[in-house]
Amino acid sequence: MMAANYTAIIKKDGAWWLGWIEEVPGVNAQEKTKSKLMASLREVLAEALDGLVSFRKFVIVFKGVK
């Protein structure tokens, strides 16, 4: 089973971390920490893809603030 690749754009805005998945409109998140943001984006993407694709494995490439 092949993994699909998605690109997450993340940035810090004041006290918040913001991020979204470029390839899937509406998949975005806002959290107080970068690690929580990355986890939220994975969860929201998985929910968005549920039932839309025949595979459950995906890879997110995070771009933005390090």
N, C-alpha and C. Protein backbone atom coordinates (compact mmCIF):
# COMPACT_ATOMS: atom_id res chain seq x y z
N MET A 1 0.85 -1.18 0.00
CA MET A 1 0.00 0.00 0.00
C MET A 1 0.89 1.24 0.00
N MET A 2 0.66 2.13 -0.94
CA MET A 2 1.46 3.34 -1.03
C MET A 2 0.89 4.44 -0.14
N ALA A 3 1.79 5.27 0.34
CA ALA A 3 1.37 6.41 1.16
C ALA A 3 1.18 7.63 0.26
N ALA A 4 0.16 8.41 0.56
CA ALA A 4 -0.05 9.68 -0.13
C ALA A 4 0.73 10.75 0.61
N ASN A 5 1.24 11.71 -0.11
CA ASN A 5 2.00 12.81 0.49
C ASN A 5 1.19 14.09 0.49
N TYR A 6 1.21 14.79 1.61
CA TYR A 6 0.52 16.07 1.76
C TYR A 6 1.49 17.08 2.34
N THR A 7 1.28 18.36 2.02
CA THR A 7 2.16 19.43 2.48
C THR A 7 1.43 20.28 3.51
N ALA A 8 2.02 20.39 4.70
CA ALA A 8 1.48 21.25 5.74
C ALA A 8 2.30 22.53 5.80
N ILE A 9 1.64 23.66 5.76
CA ILE A 9 2.29 24.95 5.94
C ILE A 9 2.01 25.36 7.38
N ILE A 10 3.07 25.67 8.13
CA ILE A 10 2.89 26.07 9.52
C ILE A 10 3.61 27.39 9.77
N LYS A 11 3.05 28.17 10.70
CA LYS A 11 3.70 29.43 11.08
C LYS A 11 3.25 29.81 12.48
N LYS A 12 4.06 30.63 13.11
CA LYS A 12 3.74 31.13 14.45
C LYS A 12 3.19 32.54 14.30
N ASP A 13 2.07 32.80 14.97
CA ASP A 13 1.43 34.10 14.94
C ASP A 13 1.14 34.51 16.38
N GLY A 14 2.02 35.31 16.95
CA GLY A 14 1.88 35.67 18.36
C GLY A 14 2.09 34.43 19.23
N ALA A 15 1.10 34.16 20.08
CA ALA A 15 1.19 33.00 20.96
C ALA A 15 0.68 31.71 20.31
N TRP A 16 0.18 31.80 19.10
CA TRP A 16 -0.45 30.65 18.44
C TRP A 16 0.39 30.09 17.30
N TRP A 17 0.26 28.79 17.08
CA TRP A 17 0.79 28.11 15.91
C TRP A 17 -0.37 27.84 14.97
N LEU A 18 -0.23 28.23 13.71
CA LEU A 18 -1.27 28.05 12.70
C LEU A 18 -0.75 27.13 11.61
N GLY A 19 -1.63 26.32 11.04
CA GLY A 19 -1.20 25.45 9.96
C GLY A 19 -2.36 24.98 9.11
N TRP A 20 -2.03 24.56 7.89
CA TRP A 20 -3.04 24.03 6.97
C TRP A 20 -2.38 23.07 6.01
N ILE A 21 -3.18 22.22 5.41
CA ILE A 21 -2.72 21.28 4.40
C ILE A 21 -3.01 21.89 3.03
N GLU A 22 -1.97 22.10 2.23
CA GLU A 22 -2.13 22.76 0.94
C GLU A 22 -3.09 22.04 0.01
N GLU A 23 -3.02 20.73 -0.03
CA GLU A 23 -3.76 19.96 -1.03
C GLU A 23 -5.23 19.70 -0.67
N VAL A 24 -5.63 19.98 0.58
CA VAL A 24 -7.00 19.66 1.00
C VAL A 24 -7.64 20.90 1.64
N PRO A 25 -8.48 21.60 0.89
CA PRO A 25 -9.14 22.80 1.43
C PRO A 25 -9.92 22.48 2.71
N GLY A 26 -9.83 23.37 3.68
CA GLY A 26 -10.57 23.19 4.92
C GLY A 26 -9.83 22.42 5.99
N VAL A 27 -8.68 21.85 5.67
CA VAL A 27 -7.90 21.15 6.69
C VAL A 27 -6.90 22.15 7.27
N ASN A 28 -7.24 22.65 8.45
CA ASN A 28 -6.39 23.62 9.13
C ASN A 28 -6.54 23.46 10.62
N ALA A 29 -5.61 24.05 11.36
CA ALA A 29 -5.65 23.94 12.82
C ALA A 29 -4.91 25.13 13.43
N GLN A 30 -5.16 25.33 14.72
CA GLN A 30 -4.52 26.38 15.50
C GLN A 30 -4.29 25.81 16.88
N GLU A 31 -3.06 25.88 17.38
CA GLU A 31 -2.71 25.34 18.69
C GLU A 31 -1.69 26.24 19.38
N LYS A 32 -1.51 26.04 20.67
CA LYS A 32 -0.55 26.82 21.45
C LYS A 32 0.89 26.33 21.27
N THR A 33 1.08 25.07 20.86
CA THR A 33 2.43 24.56 20.64
C THR A 33 2.56 23.95 19.25
N LYS A 34 3.78 23.94 18.76
CA LYS A 34 4.04 23.38 17.44
C LYS A 34 3.72 21.88 17.40
N SER A 35 4.08 21.16 18.45
CA SER A 35 3.82 19.71 18.45
C SER A 35 2.33 19.41 18.48
N LYS A 36 1.56 20.19 19.22
CA LYS A 36 0.10 20.00 19.23
C LYS A 36 -0.50 20.34 17.87
N LEU A 37 0.04 21.37 17.22
CA LEU A 37 -0.44 21.74 15.89
C LEU A 37 -0.21 20.59 14.91
N MET A 38 0.98 20.02 14.93
CA MET A 38 1.29 18.93 14.01
C MET A 38 0.38 17.72 14.26
N ALA A 39 0.10 17.42 15.51
CA ALA A 39 -0.81 16.32 15.84
C ALA A 39 -2.23 16.64 15.38
N SER A 40 -2.67 17.86 15.57
CA SER A 40 -4.02 18.26 15.15
C SER A 40 -4.18 18.18 13.65
N LEU A 41 -3.16 18.62 12.91
CA LEU A 41 -3.23 18.56 11.45
C LEU A 41 -3.32 17.11 10.97
N ARG A 42 -2.57 16.22 11.60
CA ARG A 42 -2.66 14.80 11.25
C ARG A 42 -4.07 14.27 11.49
N GLU A 43 -4.64 14.62 12.62
CA GLU A 43 -5.98 14.14 12.98
C GLU A 43 -7.05 14.71 12.04
N VAL A 44 -6.99 16.00 11.77
CA VAL A 44 -7.99 16.63 10.90
C VAL A 44 -7.87 16.08 9.47
N LEU A 45 -6.64 15.88 9.00
CA LEU A 45 -6.45 15.31 7.66
C LEU A 45 -7.00 13.89 7.59
N ALA A 46 -6.74 13.09 8.61
CA ALA A 46 -7.25 11.72 8.63
C ALA A 46 -8.78 11.71 8.58
N GLU A 47 -9.42 12.61 9.33
CA GLU A 47 -10.89 12.71 9.32
C GLU A 47 -11.39 13.16 7.95
N ALA A 48 -10.69 14.11 7.32
CA ALA A 48 -11.11 14.61 6.01
C ALA A 48 -11.00 13.53 4.94
N LEU A 49 -9.99 12.68 5.07
CA LEU A 49 -9.77 11.64 4.07
C LEU A 49 -10.61 10.38 4.31
N ASP A 50 -11.14 10.23 5.50
CA ASP A 50 -11.92 9.04 5.84
C ASP A 50 -13.07 8.86 4.85
N GLY A 51 -13.08 7.75 4.17
CA GLY A 51 -14.14 7.46 3.22
C GLY A 51 -13.89 8.01 1.83
N LEU A 52 -12.92 8.90 1.69
CA LEU A 52 -12.64 9.49 0.38
C LEU A 52 -11.58 8.73 -0.39
N VAL A 53 -10.73 8.03 0.33
CA VAL A 53 -9.63 7.30 -0.31
C VAL A 53 -9.61 5.87 0.19
N SER A 54 -9.05 4.99 -0.60
CA SER A 54 -9.04 3.59 -0.24
C SER A 54 -7.85 3.21 0.63
N PHE A 55 -6.97 4.15 0.91
CA PHE A 55 -5.84 3.86 1.77
C PHE A 55 -5.88 4.76 2.99
N ARG A 56 -5.26 4.31 4.07
CA ARG A 56 -5.27 5.07 5.31
C ARG A 56 -3.88 5.61 5.65
N LYS A 57 -2.89 5.30 4.85
CA LYS A 57 -1.53 5.71 5.16
C LYS A 57 -1.21 6.99 4.39
N PHE A 58 -0.69 7.99 5.11
CA PHE A 58 -0.30 9.22 4.45
C PHE A 58 0.90 9.83 5.16
N VAL A 59 1.61 10.67 4.46
CA VAL A 59 2.79 11.35 4.98
C VAL A 59 2.56 12.84 4.85
N ILE A 60 2.84 13.59 5.91
CA ILE A 60 2.74 15.03 5.86
C ILE A 60 4.16 15.61 5.89
N VAL A 61 4.46 16.45 4.92
CA VAL A 61 5.74 17.16 4.90
C VAL A 61 5.46 18.54 5.47
N PHE A 62 6.07 18.83 6.63
CA PHE A 62 5.83 20.12 7.29
C PHE A 62 6.81 21.16 6.76
N LYS A 63 6.28 22.31 6.35
CA LYS A 63 7.10 23.42 5.86
C LYS A 63 6.74 24.67 6.64
N GLY A 64 7.71 25.50 6.83
CA GLY A 64 7.46 26.75 7.53
C GLY A 64 8.47 26.95 8.63
N VAL A 65 8.04 27.50 9.73
CA VAL A 65 8.91 27.80 10.87
C VAL A 65 9.47 26.51 11.43
N LYS A 66 10.75 26.51 11.73
CA LYS A 66 11.40 25.31 12.31
C LYS A 66 11.52 25.43 13.80
